[in-house]
C-alpha atoms as a PDB file:
ATOM      1  CA  MET A   1      45.013-111.222  43.215  1.00  0.00           C
ATOM      2  CA  ILE A   2      48.533-112.608  42.939  1.00  0.00           C
ATOM      3  CA  VAL A   3      51.292-110.225  41.987  1.00  0.00           C
ATOM      4  CA  ALA A   4      54.494-111.589  40.566  1.00  0.00           C
ATOM      5  CA  ALA A   5      57.596-109.549  41.314  1.00  0.00           C
ATOM      6  CA  SER A   6      60.344-109.513  38.778  1.00  0.00           C
ATOM      7  CA  PHE A   7      63.958-109.882  39.804  1.00  0.00           C
ATOM      8  CA  THR A   8      64.953-106.544  38.274  1.00  0.00           C
ATOM      9  CA  GLY A   9      62.104-104.768  40.068  1.00  0.00           C
ATOM     10  CA  VAL A  10      63.283-106.146  43.426  1.00  0.00           C
ATOM     11  CA  ILE A  11      66.871-105.087  42.692  1.00  0.00           C
ATOM     12  CA  LYS A  12      65.705-101.573  41.723  1.00  0.00           C
ATOM     13  CA  THR A  13      63.697-101.263  44.940  1.00  0.00           C
ATOM     14  CA  VAL A  14      66.626-102.427  47.067  1.00  0.00           C
ATOM     15  CA  LEU A  15      69.016-100.014  45.323  1.00  0.00           C
ATOM     16  CA  ILE A  16      66.578 -97.121  45.770  1.00  0.00           C
ATOM     17  CA  LEU A  17      66.230 -97.903  49.490  1.00  0.00           C
ATOM     18  CA  ILE A  18      70.016 -98.112  49.891  1.00  0.00           C
ATOM     19  CA  GLY A  19      70.413 -94.803  48.035  1.00  0.00           C
ATOM     20  CA  VAL A  20      67.849 -93.062  50.236  1.00  0.00           C
ATOM     21  CA  LEU A  21      69.533 -94.376  53.388  1.00  0.00           C
ATOM     22  CA  VAL A  22      72.962 -93.215  52.162  1.00  0.00           C
ATOM     23  CA  ILE A  23      71.602 -89.738  51.376  1.00  0.00           C
ATOM     24  CA  ILE A  24      69.945 -89.484  54.810  1.00  0.00           C
ATOM     25  CA  ARG A  25      73.200 -90.583  56.452  1.00  0.00           C
ATOM     26  CA  ILE A  26      75.236 -87.970  54.549  1.00  0.00           C
ATOM     27  CA  ILE A  27      72.778 -85.218  55.494  1.00  0.00           C
ATOM     28  CA  GLY A  28      72.894 -86.323  59.140  1.00  0.00           C
ATOM     29  CA  ARG A  29      76.686 -86.275  59.249  1.00  0.00           C
ATOM     30  CA  THR A  30      76.742 -82.837  57.607  1.00  0.00           C
ATOM     31  CA  LEU A  31      74.355 -81.440  60.217  1.00  0.00           C
ATOM     32  CA  ILE A  32      76.399 -82.957  63.049  1.00  0.00           C
ATOM     33  CA  ALA A  33      79.592 -81.446  61.608  1.00  0.00           C
ATOM     34  CA  LYS A  34      77.903 -78.039  61.355  1.00  0.00           C
ATOM     35  CA  ARG A  35      76.763 -78.242  64.987  1.00  0.00           C
ATOM     36  CA  ASN A  36      80.271 -79.231  66.102  1.00  0.00           C
ATOM     37  CA  LEU A  37      81.801 -76.279  64.231  1.00  0.00           C
ATOM     38  CA  GLU A  38      79.397 -73.845  65.900  1.00  0.00           C
ATOM     39  CA  HIS A  39      80.184 -75.364  69.305  1.00  0.00           C
ATOM     40  CA  GLU A  40      83.929 -75.103  68.631  1.00  0.00           C
ATOM     41  CA  ARG A  41      83.619 -71.436  67.597  1.00  0.00           C
ATOM     42  CA  ASP A  42      81.679 -70.726  70.774  1.00  0.00           C
ATOM     43  CA  LEU A  43      84.377 -72.383  72.880  1.00  0.00           C
ATOM     44  CA  ILE A  44      87.120 -70.427  71.100  1.00  0.00           C
ATOM     45  CA  ASN A  45      85.270 -67.135  71.675  1.00  0.00           C
ATOM     46  CA  ARG A  46      84.811 -67.948  75.378  1.00  0.00           C
ATOM     47  CA  GLU A  47      88.510 -68.810  75.659  1.00  0.00           C
ATOM     48  CA  ARG A  48      89.483 -65.487  74.038  1.00  0.00           C
ATOM     49  CA  GLU A  49      87.220 -63.547  76.411  1.00  0.00           C
ATOM     50  CA  PHE A  50      88.706 -65.421  79.367  1.00  0.00           C
ATOM     51  CA  GLN A  51      92.251 -64.657  78.196  1.00  0.00           C
ATOM     52  CA  LYS A  52      91.369 -60.959  77.761  1.00  0.00           C
ATOM     53  CA  LYS A  53      89.941 -60.785  81.284  1.00  0.00           C
ATOM     54  CA  LYS A  54      92.924 -62.656  82.663  1.00  0.00           C
ATOM     55  CA  GLU A  55      95.345 -60.255  80.938  1.00  0.00           C
ATOM     56  CA  PHE A  56      93.353 -57.238  82.182  1.00  0.00           C
ATOM     57  CA  VAL A  57      93.456 -58.526  85.757  1.00  0.00           C
ATOM     58  CA  ARG A  58      97.177 -59.307  85.510  1.00  0.00           C
ATOM     59  CA  LYS A  59      97.865 -55.854  84.080  1.00  0.00           C
ATOM     60  CA  ASN A  60      95.774 -53.970  86.652  1.00  0.00           C
ATOM     61  CA  GLN A  61      96.487 -56.090  89.715  1.00  0.00           C
ATOM     62  CA  GLY A  62      97.032 -53.892  92.762  1.00  0.00           C
ATOM     63  CA  LYS A  63      95.874 -50.708  91.070  1.00  0.00           C
ATOM     64  CA  THR A  64      93.055 -48.703  92.563  1.00  0.00           C
ATOM     65  CA  SER A  65      90.403 -47.046  90.464  1.00  0.00           C
ATOM     66  CA  ILE A  66      87.419 -44.956  91.443  1.00  0.00           C
ATOM     67  CA  LEU A  67      84.252 -45.749  89.608  1.00  0.00           C
ATOM     68  CA  SER A  68      81.724 -43.001  89.145  1.00  0.00           C
ATOM     69  CA  LYS A  69      78.184 -44.162  88.550  1.00  0.00           C
ATOM     70  CA  GLY A  70      76.749 -40.707  88.106  1.00  0.00           C
ATOM     71  CA  LYS A  71      75.117 -38.411  90.609  1.00  0.00           C
ATOM     72  CA  ILE A  72      73.660 -39.983  93.680  1.00  0.00           C
ATOM     73  CA  GLN A  73      70.776 -38.240  95.419  1.00  0.00           C
ATOM     74  CA  ALA A  74      71.924 -37.962  98.990  1.00  0.00           C
ATOM     75  CA  GLU A  75      70.984 -35.674 101.818  1.00  0.00           C
ATOM     76  CA  ASP A  76      73.410 -34.569 104.481  1.00  0.00           C
ATOM     77  CA  SER A  77      71.904 -34.883 107.886  1.00  0.00           C
ATOM     78  CA  ASP A  78      73.097 -34.071 111.354  1.00  0.00           C
ATOM     79  CA  PHE A  79      73.001 -36.613 114.075  1.00  0.00           C
ATOM     80  CA  GLU A  80      72.167 -36.265 117.685  1.00  0.00           C
ATOM     81  CA  GLU A  81      73.901 -38.094 120.412  1.00  0.00           C
ATOM     82  CA  VAL A  82      71.750 -40.456 122.384  1.00  0.00           C
ATOM     83  CA  LYS A  83      72.169 -40.046 126.156  1.00  0.00           C
END
């Protein structure tokens, strides 16, 4: 069976393929841009946390603080000298 392709049919097929490729490309670029924005936000948040820690250390440098972690179960015991 021989099928004859018309010129307009070939042009339509080519245009449809080009359109599909353009749409796929646009979607791909949009997804890449979204990923880059999320990465940039993450970097900005890390930088803010680093600056906060840096400021806290600068502000409290040389100061002594006693940390209490709650009650500790300890038993006082005497010691014997070894002769």
